[in-house]
Amino acid sequence: MANEVVLLDFWLSPFGMRIRIALAEKCIQYEHKDEDLRNKSPLLLQMNPIHKKIPVLIHNGKPICESLIAVQYIDEVWNHKSPLLPLDPYHRAQARFWADFVDKKFKTECDW
């Protein structure tokens, strides 16, 4: 497929939810592959060999790891509608600050 999008995820993951929301906002069709976190798939291990964690967005066979990075990627690649971040640089920085704050709070409580 010319524009194949796959999301390796676990349905309960708040980080995966962030990517699913971004894909929905942009009306992007994708294949969702639910991962067993106790028995990680060969695809997950291949696509995220460093951290071996979900979520992983795969676009045309190329992996994008880490949810904030994946959301920024989605916003840049599919920039024709529904911007996910404010256009104003200050407000964009504030949005990134709060996303990072939430990430750090979740990461201290669970390890996906």
N, C-alpha and C. Protein backbone atom coordinates (compact mmCIF):
# COMPACT_ATOMS: atom_id res chain seq x y z
N MET A 1 0.83 -1.19 0.00
CA MET A 1 0.00 0.00 0.00
C MET A 1 0.87 1.25 0.00
N ALA A 2 0.43 2.27 -0.68
CA ALA A 2 1.21 3.49 -0.79
C ALA A 2 1.20 4.30 0.49
N ASN A 3 0.17 4.16 1.30
CA ASN A 3 0.09 4.96 2.52
C ASN A 3 -0.36 4.09 3.68
N GLU A 4 0.33 2.98 3.88
CA GLU A 4 -0.04 2.03 4.91
C GLU A 4 0.33 2.55 6.30
N VAL A 5 -0.63 2.47 7.22
CA VAL A 5 -0.42 2.91 8.59
C VAL A 5 -0.84 1.77 9.51
N VAL A 6 0.06 1.39 10.41
CA VAL A 6 -0.19 0.33 11.38
C VAL A 6 0.18 0.90 12.76
N LEU A 7 -0.63 0.56 13.75
CA LEU A 7 -0.33 0.96 15.12
C LEU A 7 -0.20 -0.28 15.98
N LEU A 8 1.00 -0.47 16.54
CA LEU A 8 1.23 -1.53 17.52
C LEU A 8 0.93 -0.92 18.88
N ASP A 9 0.01 -1.53 19.61
CA ASP A 9 -0.53 -0.86 20.78
C ASP A 9 -1.10 -1.89 21.74
N PHE A 10 -1.52 -1.43 22.89
CA PHE A 10 -2.28 -2.19 23.87
C PHE A 10 -3.48 -1.34 24.23
N TRP A 11 -4.67 -1.90 24.18
CA TRP A 11 -5.91 -1.11 24.27
C TRP A 11 -5.97 -0.21 25.50
N LEU A 12 -5.30 -0.57 26.58
CA LEU A 12 -5.38 0.20 27.82
C LEU A 12 -4.30 1.28 27.92
N SER A 13 -3.38 1.31 27.01
CA SER A 13 -2.25 2.24 27.08
C SER A 13 -2.68 3.70 26.86
N PRO A 14 -2.41 4.57 27.82
CA PRO A 14 -2.72 5.99 27.61
C PRO A 14 -1.84 6.60 26.51
N PHE A 15 -0.65 6.06 26.33
CA PHE A 15 0.23 6.56 25.30
C PHE A 15 -0.27 6.16 23.91
N GLY A 16 -0.78 4.94 23.81
CA GLY A 16 -1.40 4.51 22.56
C GLY A 16 -2.67 5.29 22.27
N MET A 17 -3.42 5.60 23.32
CA MET A 17 -4.65 6.38 23.16
C MET A 17 -4.33 7.74 22.54
N ARG A 18 -3.22 8.32 22.93
CA ARG A 18 -2.80 9.62 22.37
C ARG A 18 -2.65 9.51 20.86
N ILE A 19 -2.04 8.44 20.38
CA ILE A 19 -1.85 8.26 18.94
C ILE A 19 -3.19 7.96 18.27
N ARG A 20 -4.02 7.12 18.90
CA ARG A 20 -5.32 6.81 18.32
C ARG A 20 -6.18 8.06 18.17
N ILE A 21 -6.12 8.96 19.14
CA ILE A 21 -6.86 10.22 19.05
C ILE A 21 -6.33 11.07 17.89
N ALA A 22 -5.01 11.16 17.77
CA ALA A 22 -4.42 11.94 16.67
C ALA A 22 -4.82 11.37 15.32
N LEU A 23 -4.79 10.05 15.16
CA LEU A 23 -5.19 9.43 13.90
C LEU A 23 -6.66 9.70 13.61
N ALA A 24 -7.50 9.64 14.64
CA ALA A 24 -8.93 9.91 14.46
C ALA A 24 -9.18 11.36 14.07
N GLU A 25 -8.48 12.28 14.72
CA GLU A 25 -8.64 13.71 14.41
C GLU A 25 -8.29 14.00 12.96
N LYS A 26 -7.31 13.29 12.44
CA LYS A 26 -6.86 13.48 11.07
C LYS A 26 -7.61 12.59 10.07
N CYS A 27 -8.54 11.76 10.58
CA CYS A 27 -9.31 10.83 9.74
C CYS A 27 -8.40 9.89 8.95
N ILE A 28 -7.39 9.36 9.61
CA ILE A 28 -6.43 8.48 8.97
C ILE A 28 -6.85 7.03 9.21
N GLN A 29 -6.98 6.28 8.13
CA GLN A 29 -7.28 4.86 8.20
C GLN A 29 -5.99 4.13 8.62
N TYR A 30 -6.13 3.20 9.57
CA TYR A 30 -4.95 2.45 10.01
C TYR A 30 -5.36 1.07 10.49
N GLU A 31 -4.37 0.20 10.54
CA GLU A 31 -4.57 -1.14 11.08
C GLU A 31 -4.07 -1.14 12.52
N HIS A 32 -4.90 -1.58 13.43
CA HIS A 32 -4.53 -1.64 14.84
C HIS A 32 -4.13 -3.06 15.18
N LYS A 33 -2.94 -3.22 15.74
CA LYS A 33 -2.48 -4.55 16.17
C LYS A 33 -2.25 -4.49 17.68
N ASP A 34 -3.12 -5.18 18.40
CA ASP A 34 -3.03 -5.22 19.85
C ASP A 34 -1.88 -6.13 20.26
N GLU A 35 -1.02 -5.64 21.12
CA GLU A 35 0.15 -6.40 21.56
C GLU A 35 -0.10 -7.07 22.90
N ASP A 36 0.43 -8.27 23.04
CA ASP A 36 0.47 -8.96 24.33
C ASP A 36 1.77 -8.50 24.99
N LEU A 37 1.67 -7.72 26.04
CA LEU A 37 2.86 -7.13 26.64
C LEU A 37 3.74 -8.15 27.37
N ARG A 38 3.20 -9.32 27.65
CA ARG A 38 4.00 -10.38 28.28
C ARG A 38 4.69 -11.26 27.25
N ASN A 39 4.18 -11.25 26.03
CA ASN A 39 4.73 -12.06 24.95
C ASN A 39 4.78 -11.18 23.70
N LYS A 40 5.77 -10.31 23.63
CA LYS A 40 5.85 -9.30 22.57
C LYS A 40 6.08 -9.95 21.20
N SER A 41 5.39 -9.41 20.23
CA SER A 41 5.45 -9.97 18.88
C SER A 41 6.81 -9.70 18.23
N PRO A 42 7.20 -10.55 17.28
CA PRO A 42 8.43 -10.30 16.53
C PRO A 42 8.38 -8.94 15.81
N LEU A 43 7.17 -8.54 15.36
CA LEU A 43 7.05 -7.23 14.69
C LEU A 43 7.38 -6.09 15.65
N LEU A 44 6.88 -6.14 16.88
CA LEU A 44 7.19 -5.11 17.86
C LEU A 44 8.70 -5.07 18.14
N LEU A 45 9.30 -6.22 18.34
CA LEU A 45 10.73 -6.28 18.63
C LEU A 45 11.57 -5.78 17.46
N GLN A 46 11.06 -5.99 16.25
CA GLN A 46 11.77 -5.51 15.06
C GLN A 46 11.60 -3.99 14.90
N MET A 47 10.39 -3.50 15.14
CA MET A 47 10.10 -2.08 14.91
C MET A 47 10.58 -1.18 16.03
N ASN A 48 10.73 -1.70 17.25
CA ASN A 48 11.24 -0.91 18.37
C ASN A 48 12.31 -1.72 19.10
N PRO A 49 13.45 -1.94 18.43
CA PRO A 49 14.48 -2.80 19.02
C PRO A 49 15.19 -2.17 20.22
N ILE A 50 15.11 -0.86 20.38
CA ILE A 50 15.80 -0.20 21.49
C ILE A 50 15.03 -0.39 22.79
N HIS A 51 13.77 0.05 22.82
CA HIS A 51 12.98 0.00 24.05
C HIS A 51 12.05 -1.20 24.12
N LYS A 52 11.70 -1.77 22.96
CA LYS A 52 10.82 -2.95 22.89
C LYS A 52 9.47 -2.69 23.57
N LYS A 53 8.95 -1.47 23.38
CA LYS A 53 7.70 -1.08 24.02
C LYS A 53 6.71 -0.53 23.00
N ILE A 54 5.45 -0.55 23.41
CA ILE A 54 4.39 0.08 22.62
C ILE A 54 4.21 1.50 23.14
N PRO A 55 3.60 2.36 22.40
CA PRO A 55 3.08 2.19 21.05
C PRO A 55 4.16 2.43 20.00
N VAL A 56 3.93 1.84 18.85
CA VAL A 56 4.78 2.09 17.68
C VAL A 56 3.86 2.36 16.51
N LEU A 57 4.04 3.50 15.88
CA LEU A 57 3.33 3.84 14.65
C LEU A 57 4.22 3.40 13.50
N ILE A 58 3.67 2.64 12.58
CA ILE A 58 4.43 2.20 11.40
C ILE A 58 3.77 2.82 10.18
N HIS A 59 4.53 3.64 9.47
CA HIS A 59 4.01 4.30 8.26
C HIS A 59 4.86 3.86 7.09
N ASN A 60 4.22 3.17 6.15
CA ASN A 60 4.92 2.64 4.97
C ASN A 60 6.15 1.83 5.36
N GLY A 61 6.00 1.01 6.40
CA GLY A 61 7.07 0.12 6.82
C GLY A 61 8.13 0.74 7.71
N LYS A 62 8.00 2.05 7.99
CA LYS A 62 8.99 2.74 8.82
C LYS A 62 8.41 3.03 10.19
N PRO A 63 9.11 2.62 11.27
CA PRO A 63 8.57 2.80 12.61
C PRO A 63 8.83 4.19 13.18
N ILE A 64 7.85 4.68 13.92
CA ILE A 64 7.98 5.91 14.70
C ILE A 64 7.62 5.52 16.13
N CYS A 65 8.59 5.60 17.02
CA CYS A 65 8.41 5.20 18.41
C CYS A 65 8.23 6.43 19.30
N GLU A 66 7.63 6.22 20.45
CA GLU A 66 7.31 7.24 21.44
C GLU A 66 6.09 8.04 21.00
N SER A 67 5.10 8.10 21.84
CA SER A 67 3.80 8.66 21.46
C SER A 67 3.86 10.14 21.07
N LEU A 68 4.59 10.95 21.82
CA LEU A 68 4.66 12.38 21.46
C LEU A 68 5.32 12.58 20.10
N ILE A 69 6.35 11.82 19.83
CA ILE A 69 7.04 11.91 18.54
C ILE A 69 6.10 11.45 17.43
N ALA A 70 5.35 10.38 17.69
CA ALA A 70 4.40 9.87 16.69
C ALA A 70 3.31 10.90 16.40
N VAL A 71 2.79 11.55 17.44
CA VAL A 71 1.75 12.57 17.24
C VAL A 71 2.30 13.74 16.43
N GLN A 72 3.51 14.18 16.71
CA GLN A 72 4.11 15.26 15.93
C GLN A 72 4.31 14.82 14.49
N TYR A 73 4.72 13.58 14.28
CA TYR A 73 4.89 13.03 12.94
C TYR A 73 3.56 13.04 12.18
N ILE A 74 2.51 12.56 12.84
CA ILE A 74 1.17 12.56 12.23
C ILE A 74 0.77 13.97 11.82
N ASP A 75 1.00 14.93 12.70
CA ASP A 75 0.63 16.32 12.42
C ASP A 75 1.42 16.89 11.23
N GLU A 76 2.67 16.50 11.10
CA GLU A 76 3.51 17.01 10.01
C GLU A 76 3.20 16.32 8.68
N VAL A 77 2.98 15.01 8.70
CA VAL A 77 2.74 14.28 7.46
C VAL A 77 1.36 14.57 6.89
N TRP A 78 0.36 14.56 7.74
CA TRP A 78 -1.02 14.82 7.32
C TRP A 78 -1.41 16.23 7.74
N ASN A 79 -0.71 17.21 7.19
CA ASN A 79 -0.88 18.61 7.61
C ASN A 79 -1.98 19.34 6.86
N HIS A 80 -2.71 18.66 6.00
CA HIS A 80 -3.73 19.30 5.18
C HIS A 80 -5.01 19.63 5.95
N LYS A 81 -5.20 19.06 7.15
CA LYS A 81 -6.40 19.39 7.92
C LYS A 81 -6.19 19.13 9.40
N SER A 82 -7.01 19.78 10.19
CA SER A 82 -7.06 19.58 11.64
C SER A 82 -5.69 19.61 12.33
N PRO A 83 -5.04 20.77 12.39
CA PRO A 83 -3.76 20.82 13.11
C PRO A 83 -3.94 20.38 14.56
N LEU A 84 -3.02 19.56 15.06
CA LEU A 84 -3.11 19.05 16.41
C LEU A 84 -2.53 19.99 17.45
N LEU A 85 -1.60 20.81 17.03
CA LEU A 85 -0.98 21.78 17.93
C LEU A 85 -1.32 23.20 17.48
N PRO A 86 -1.34 24.13 18.43
CA PRO A 86 -1.60 25.53 18.05
C PRO A 86 -0.55 26.05 17.07
N LEU A 87 -0.94 27.01 16.26
CA LEU A 87 0.01 27.60 15.31
C LEU A 87 0.97 28.56 15.99
N ASP A 88 0.51 29.23 17.03
CA ASP A 88 1.36 30.18 17.76
C ASP A 88 2.47 29.43 18.49
N PRO A 89 3.74 29.82 18.29
CA PRO A 89 4.86 29.10 18.91
C PRO A 89 4.78 29.02 20.44
N TYR A 90 4.34 30.09 21.10
CA TYR A 90 4.23 30.06 22.56
C TYR A 90 3.19 29.04 23.01
N HIS A 91 2.02 29.09 22.39
CA HIS A 91 0.96 28.15 22.76
C HIS A 91 1.34 26.71 22.41
N ARG A 92 2.07 26.53 21.33
CA ARG A 92 2.56 25.19 20.96
C ARG A 92 3.53 24.68 22.03
N ALA A 93 4.41 25.57 22.51
CA ALA A 93 5.36 25.20 23.57
C ALA A 93 4.61 24.82 24.85
N GLN A 94 3.55 25.56 25.16
CA GLN A 94 2.75 25.25 26.35
C GLN A 94 2.08 23.88 26.21
N ALA A 95 1.56 23.58 25.04
CA ALA A 95 0.93 22.27 24.81
C ALA A 95 1.96 21.16 24.96
N ARG A 96 3.16 21.36 24.46
CA ARG A 96 4.22 20.36 24.58
C ARG A 96 4.64 20.19 26.04
N PHE A 97 4.67 21.29 26.79
CA PHE A 97 5.02 21.23 28.21
C PHE A 97 4.04 20.32 28.95
N TRP A 98 2.73 20.53 28.73
CA TRP A 98 1.73 19.74 29.44
C TRP A 98 1.72 18.29 29.00
N ALA A 99 1.98 18.04 27.73
CA ALA A 99 2.07 16.65 27.26
C ALA A 99 3.26 15.95 27.92
N ASP A 100 4.38 16.65 28.04
CA ASP A 100 5.56 16.10 28.70
C ASP A 100 5.28 15.87 30.19
N PHE A 101 4.59 16.80 30.82
CA PHE A 101 4.23 16.68 32.23
C PHE A 101 3.40 15.41 32.46
N VAL A 102 2.39 15.19 31.62
CA VAL A 102 1.54 14.00 31.73
C VAL A 102 2.37 12.74 31.51
N ASP A 103 3.25 12.77 30.50
CA ASP A 103 4.11 11.61 30.25
C ASP A 103 4.93 11.24 31.48
N LYS A 104 5.53 12.22 32.09
CA LYS A 104 6.39 11.96 33.26
C LYS A 104 5.57 11.44 34.43
N LYS A 105 4.35 11.92 34.60
CA LYS A 105 3.49 11.43 35.67
C LYS A 105 3.13 9.96 35.44
N PHE A 106 2.74 9.61 34.20
CA PHE A 106 2.38 8.24 33.89
C PHE A 106 3.58 7.31 33.98
N LYS A 107 4.71 7.75 33.51
CA LYS A 107 5.89 6.89 33.47
C LYS A 107 6.38 6.54 34.87
N THR A 108 6.09 7.38 35.86
CA THR A 108 6.48 7.05 37.22
C THR A 108 5.53 6.03 37.85
N GLU A 109 4.32 5.90 37.27
CA GLU A 109 3.32 5.00 37.83
C GLU A 109 3.21 3.67 37.10
N CYS A 110 3.58 3.64 35.83
CA CYS A 110 3.48 2.37 35.09
C CYS A 110 4.56 2.33 34.01
N ASP A 111 4.90 1.14 33.62
CA ASP A 111 5.90 0.94 32.58
C ASP A 111 5.28 0.13 31.46
N TRP A 112 4.90 0.80 30.37
CA TRP A 112 4.27 0.11 29.25
C TRP A 112 5.34 -0.43 28.37
